[in-house]
């Protein structure tokens, strides 16, 4: 977790759902909400493109994405971890 960015990593979807329930409860306690429009579910591993049941946050479905940005580092879905720091390097120069 850094500032207003939060990254959850889990091995199973059930573990992810449990973590999201905890995050949702803590944010509710702080009178905050999780913006589902700025959130995404990204899968990495041999079954990255397998169908999965929807992951819900307060009744809204978490969208499945092919890539996402975390602290300006692009992370891509696939059989193995893919990181792209091109945009970060571009802004440095």
N, C-alpha and C. Protein backbone atom coordinates (compact mmCIF):
# COMPACT_ATOMS: atom_id res chain seq x y z
N UNK A 1 0.85 -1.18 0.00
CA UNK A 1 0.00 0.00 0.00
C UNK A 1 0.89 1.23 0.00
N UNK A 2 0.60 2.16 -0.87
CA UNK A 2 1.37 3.39 -0.94
C UNK A 2 0.40 4.53 -1.24
N UNK A 3 0.34 5.50 -0.36
CA UNK A 3 -0.55 6.66 -0.52
C UNK A 3 -1.98 6.18 -0.79
N UNK A 4 -2.46 6.40 -2.00
CA UNK A 4 -3.83 5.98 -2.29
C UNK A 4 -3.87 4.77 -3.23
N UNK A 5 -2.75 4.07 -3.36
CA UNK A 5 -2.71 2.88 -4.20
C UNK A 5 -2.54 1.64 -3.34
N UNK A 6 -3.34 0.64 -3.63
CA UNK A 6 -3.32 -0.60 -2.87
C UNK A 6 -3.24 -1.76 -3.84
N UNK A 7 -2.34 -2.69 -3.58
CA UNK A 7 -2.16 -3.87 -4.41
C UNK A 7 -2.37 -5.09 -3.55
N UNK A 8 -3.34 -5.93 -3.92
CA UNK A 8 -3.60 -7.17 -3.20
C UNK A 8 -3.13 -8.33 -4.06
N UNK A 9 -2.37 -9.24 -3.48
CA UNK A 9 -1.86 -10.40 -4.20
C UNK A 9 -2.32 -11.64 -3.45
N UNK A 10 -2.93 -12.58 -4.19
CA UNK A 10 -3.40 -13.81 -3.55
C UNK A 10 -3.18 -14.99 -4.49
N UNK A 11 -3.17 -16.17 -3.92
CA UNK A 11 -3.00 -17.39 -4.71
C UNK A 11 -4.34 -17.86 -5.26
N UNK A 12 -5.41 -17.73 -4.48
CA UNK A 12 -6.72 -18.19 -4.93
C UNK A 12 -7.72 -17.04 -4.96
N UNK A 13 -8.78 -17.24 -5.73
CA UNK A 13 -9.85 -16.23 -5.78
C UNK A 13 -10.54 -16.10 -4.43
N UNK A 14 -10.68 -17.21 -3.71
CA UNK A 14 -11.32 -17.14 -2.40
C UNK A 14 -10.49 -16.29 -1.44
N UNK A 15 -9.17 -16.45 -1.48
CA UNK A 15 -8.30 -15.60 -0.64
C UNK A 15 -8.45 -14.13 -1.03
N UNK A 16 -8.54 -13.86 -2.32
CA UNK A 16 -8.73 -12.49 -2.78
C UNK A 16 -10.05 -11.92 -2.29
N UNK A 17 -11.11 -12.72 -2.38
CA UNK A 17 -12.42 -12.26 -1.89
C UNK A 17 -12.37 -11.97 -0.39
N UNK A 18 -11.69 -12.82 0.37
CA UNK A 18 -11.56 -12.59 1.81
C UNK A 18 -10.80 -11.29 2.09
N UNK A 19 -9.71 -11.06 1.37
CA UNK A 19 -8.94 -9.82 1.56
C UNK A 19 -9.77 -8.60 1.18
N UNK A 20 -10.53 -8.70 0.09
CA UNK A 20 -11.37 -7.57 -0.32
C UNK A 20 -12.46 -7.28 0.71
N UNK A 21 -13.00 -8.32 1.33
CA UNK A 21 -13.99 -8.12 2.40
C UNK A 21 -13.37 -7.36 3.57
N UNK A 22 -12.14 -7.71 3.92
CA UNK A 22 -11.44 -7.02 5.02
C UNK A 22 -11.17 -5.57 4.65
N UNK A 23 -10.68 -5.34 3.42
CA UNK A 23 -10.41 -3.97 2.97
C UNK A 23 -11.70 -3.16 2.95
N UNK A 24 -12.77 -3.74 2.42
CA UNK A 24 -14.05 -3.04 2.37
C UNK A 24 -14.53 -2.67 3.77
N UNK A 25 -14.41 -3.60 4.72
CA UNK A 25 -14.84 -3.33 6.10
C UNK A 25 -14.01 -2.21 6.73
N UNK A 26 -12.71 -2.25 6.53
CA UNK A 26 -11.84 -1.21 7.10
C UNK A 26 -12.11 0.15 6.48
N UNK A 27 -12.29 0.18 5.16
CA UNK A 27 -12.59 1.45 4.50
C UNK A 27 -13.95 1.99 4.95
N UNK A 28 -14.91 1.11 5.13
CA UNK A 28 -16.23 1.55 5.62
C UNK A 28 -16.11 2.15 7.02
N UNK A 29 -15.28 1.53 7.86
CA UNK A 29 -15.06 2.03 9.21
C UNK A 29 -14.44 3.43 9.17
N UNK A 30 -13.63 3.70 8.14
CA UNK A 30 -12.99 5.00 7.98
C UNK A 30 -13.82 5.98 7.15
N UNK A 31 -15.06 5.60 6.83
CA UNK A 31 -15.95 6.40 5.97
C UNK A 31 -15.33 6.66 4.60
N UNK A 32 -14.71 5.63 4.05
CA UNK A 32 -14.11 5.70 2.71
C UNK A 32 -14.70 4.59 1.86
N UNK A 33 -14.56 4.71 0.55
CA UNK A 33 -15.06 3.69 -0.36
C UNK A 33 -13.96 3.31 -1.35
N UNK A 34 -14.08 2.11 -1.88
CA UNK A 34 -13.17 1.63 -2.90
C UNK A 34 -13.79 1.93 -4.25
N UNK A 35 -13.07 2.61 -5.11
CA UNK A 35 -13.57 2.98 -6.43
C UNK A 35 -13.36 1.80 -7.38
N UNK A 36 -14.44 1.09 -7.71
CA UNK A 36 -14.35 -0.09 -8.57
C UNK A 36 -13.94 0.31 -9.99
N UNK A 37 -14.30 1.53 -10.44
CA UNK A 37 -13.95 1.99 -11.78
C UNK A 37 -12.44 2.15 -11.95
N UNK A 38 -11.73 2.39 -10.85
CA UNK A 38 -10.27 2.53 -10.91
C UNK A 38 -9.56 1.27 -10.45
N UNK A 39 -10.31 0.19 -10.28
CA UNK A 39 -9.75 -1.08 -9.80
C UNK A 39 -9.78 -2.10 -10.92
N UNK A 40 -9.00 -3.16 -10.75
CA UNK A 40 -8.99 -4.21 -11.76
C UNK A 40 -8.44 -5.51 -11.21
N UNK A 41 -8.81 -6.59 -11.84
CA UNK A 41 -8.35 -7.92 -11.48
C UNK A 41 -7.44 -8.40 -12.60
N UNK A 42 -6.21 -8.74 -12.26
CA UNK A 42 -5.22 -9.18 -13.23
C UNK A 42 -4.70 -10.54 -12.81
N UNK A 43 -4.66 -11.48 -13.74
CA UNK A 43 -4.20 -12.83 -13.41
C UNK A 43 -2.85 -13.11 -14.05
N UNK A 44 -1.99 -13.75 -13.28
CA UNK A 44 -0.66 -14.15 -13.74
C UNK A 44 -0.47 -15.62 -13.40
N UNK A 45 -0.03 -16.40 -14.36
CA UNK A 45 0.20 -17.82 -14.12
C UNK A 45 -0.30 -18.65 -15.29
N UNK A 46 -0.13 -19.97 -15.22
CA UNK A 46 -0.49 -20.82 -16.34
C UNK A 46 -1.97 -20.76 -16.72
N UNK A 47 -2.84 -20.40 -15.79
CA UNK A 47 -4.28 -20.32 -16.08
C UNK A 47 -4.75 -18.87 -16.17
N UNK A 48 -3.89 -17.97 -16.62
CA UNK A 48 -4.23 -16.54 -16.62
C UNK A 48 -5.43 -16.22 -17.50
N UNK A 49 -5.69 -17.03 -18.53
CA UNK A 49 -6.82 -16.72 -19.42
C UNK A 49 -8.03 -17.64 -19.21
N UNK A 50 -8.03 -18.41 -18.13
CA UNK A 50 -9.17 -19.28 -17.82
C UNK A 50 -10.35 -18.45 -17.31
N UNK A 51 -11.55 -18.92 -17.62
CA UNK A 51 -12.75 -18.23 -17.13
C UNK A 51 -12.80 -18.31 -15.60
N UNK A 52 -13.35 -17.28 -14.99
CA UNK A 52 -13.49 -17.26 -13.54
C UNK A 52 -14.81 -16.62 -13.15
N UNK A 53 -15.27 -16.95 -11.97
CA UNK A 53 -16.50 -16.35 -11.48
C UNK A 53 -16.22 -14.91 -11.08
N UNK A 54 -17.22 -14.04 -11.19
CA UNK A 54 -17.00 -12.62 -10.90
C UNK A 54 -16.59 -12.37 -9.45
N UNK A 55 -15.75 -11.38 -9.27
CA UNK A 55 -15.35 -10.94 -7.93
C UNK A 55 -16.12 -9.65 -7.68
N UNK A 56 -16.89 -9.62 -6.60
CA UNK A 56 -17.76 -8.49 -6.30
C UNK A 56 -17.22 -7.65 -5.16
N UNK A 57 -17.38 -6.34 -5.31
CA UNK A 57 -17.07 -5.39 -4.25
C UNK A 57 -18.31 -4.54 -4.06
N UNK A 58 -18.99 -4.72 -2.93
CA UNK A 58 -20.20 -3.98 -2.62
C UNK A 58 -21.23 -4.07 -3.76
N UNK A 59 -21.37 -5.25 -4.34
CA UNK A 59 -22.34 -5.47 -5.39
C UNK A 59 -21.87 -5.14 -6.80
N UNK A 60 -20.70 -4.53 -6.93
CA UNK A 60 -20.15 -4.20 -8.25
C UNK A 60 -19.08 -5.22 -8.63
N UNK A 61 -19.07 -5.60 -9.88
CA UNK A 61 -18.11 -6.59 -10.37
C UNK A 61 -16.76 -5.94 -10.63
N UNK A 62 -15.72 -6.54 -10.12
CA UNK A 62 -14.35 -6.07 -10.36
C UNK A 62 -13.97 -6.44 -11.78
N UNK A 63 -13.60 -5.47 -12.63
CA UNK A 63 -13.29 -5.78 -14.03
C UNK A 63 -11.96 -6.54 -14.16
N UNK A 64 -11.96 -7.50 -15.10
CA UNK A 64 -10.73 -8.24 -15.41
C UNK A 64 -9.98 -7.43 -16.47
N UNK A 65 -8.69 -7.16 -16.23
CA UNK A 65 -7.90 -6.33 -17.13
C UNK A 65 -6.68 -7.10 -17.63
N UNK A 66 -6.13 -6.67 -18.78
CA UNK A 66 -4.93 -7.29 -19.34
C UNK A 66 -3.66 -6.67 -18.79
N UNK A 67 -3.76 -5.41 -18.37
CA UNK A 67 -2.61 -4.72 -17.78
C UNK A 67 -3.09 -3.65 -16.83
N UNK A 68 -2.24 -3.31 -15.89
CA UNK A 68 -2.57 -2.24 -14.95
C UNK A 68 -1.28 -1.52 -14.56
N UNK A 69 -1.44 -0.37 -13.98
CA UNK A 69 -0.30 0.43 -13.55
C UNK A 69 -0.30 0.52 -12.03
N UNK A 70 0.84 0.26 -11.44
CA UNK A 70 1.01 0.41 -9.99
C UNK A 70 2.29 1.18 -9.75
N UNK A 71 2.17 2.36 -9.18
CA UNK A 71 3.31 3.25 -8.95
C UNK A 71 4.07 3.49 -10.25
N UNK A 72 3.32 3.70 -11.34
CA UNK A 72 3.82 3.97 -12.68
C UNK A 72 4.59 2.82 -13.32
N UNK A 73 4.48 1.64 -12.78
CA UNK A 73 5.06 0.45 -13.39
C UNK A 73 3.90 -0.35 -13.98
N UNK A 74 3.98 -0.64 -15.28
CA UNK A 74 2.94 -1.42 -15.94
C UNK A 74 3.13 -2.90 -15.64
N UNK A 75 2.06 -3.56 -15.23
CA UNK A 75 2.05 -4.99 -14.95
C UNK A 75 1.10 -5.63 -15.94
N UNK A 76 1.56 -6.68 -16.64
CA UNK A 76 0.74 -7.33 -17.65
C UNK A 76 0.34 -8.73 -17.25
N UNK A 77 -0.85 -9.13 -17.68
CA UNK A 77 -1.33 -10.49 -17.44
C UNK A 77 -0.58 -11.44 -18.37
N UNK A 78 -0.40 -12.67 -17.93
CA UNK A 78 0.27 -13.66 -18.77
C UNK A 78 0.71 -14.86 -17.96
N UNK A 79 1.41 -15.77 -18.63
CA UNK A 79 1.89 -16.97 -17.96
C UNK A 79 2.97 -16.66 -16.94
N UNK A 80 3.68 -15.55 -17.15
CA UNK A 80 4.71 -15.14 -16.19
C UNK A 80 4.57 -13.64 -15.93
N UNK A 81 5.22 -13.17 -14.90
CA UNK A 81 5.15 -11.77 -14.50
C UNK A 81 5.80 -10.90 -15.57
N UNK A 82 5.09 -9.87 -16.03
CA UNK A 82 5.60 -8.94 -17.04
C UNK A 82 5.54 -7.54 -16.47
N UNK A 83 6.67 -6.88 -16.40
CA UNK A 83 6.74 -5.50 -15.92
C UNK A 83 7.28 -4.61 -17.03
N UNK A 84 6.70 -3.45 -17.18
CA UNK A 84 7.17 -2.48 -18.17
C UNK A 84 7.39 -1.16 -17.45
N UNK A 85 8.63 -0.68 -17.50
CA UNK A 85 8.96 0.59 -16.85
C UNK A 85 9.24 1.67 -17.89
N UNK A 86 8.83 1.44 -19.13
CA UNK A 86 9.11 2.39 -20.21
C UNK A 86 8.54 3.77 -19.91
N UNK A 87 7.27 3.85 -19.50
CA UNK A 87 6.66 5.15 -19.23
C UNK A 87 7.33 5.84 -18.06
N UNK A 88 7.79 5.08 -17.09
CA UNK A 88 8.49 5.67 -15.94
C UNK A 88 9.83 6.25 -16.39
N UNK A 89 10.57 5.54 -17.24
CA UNK A 89 11.86 6.03 -17.73
C UNK A 89 11.66 7.24 -18.62
N UNK A 90 10.59 7.24 -19.44
CA UNK A 90 10.33 8.35 -20.33
C UNK A 90 10.13 9.64 -19.55
N UNK A 91 9.43 9.58 -18.43
CA UNK A 91 9.16 10.77 -17.64
C UNK A 91 10.39 11.25 -16.87
N UNK A 92 11.38 10.37 -16.71
CA UNK A 92 12.58 10.75 -15.99
C UNK A 92 13.42 11.72 -16.82
N UNK A 93 13.47 11.49 -18.14
CA UNK A 93 14.32 12.31 -19.01
C UNK A 93 13.62 13.48 -19.57
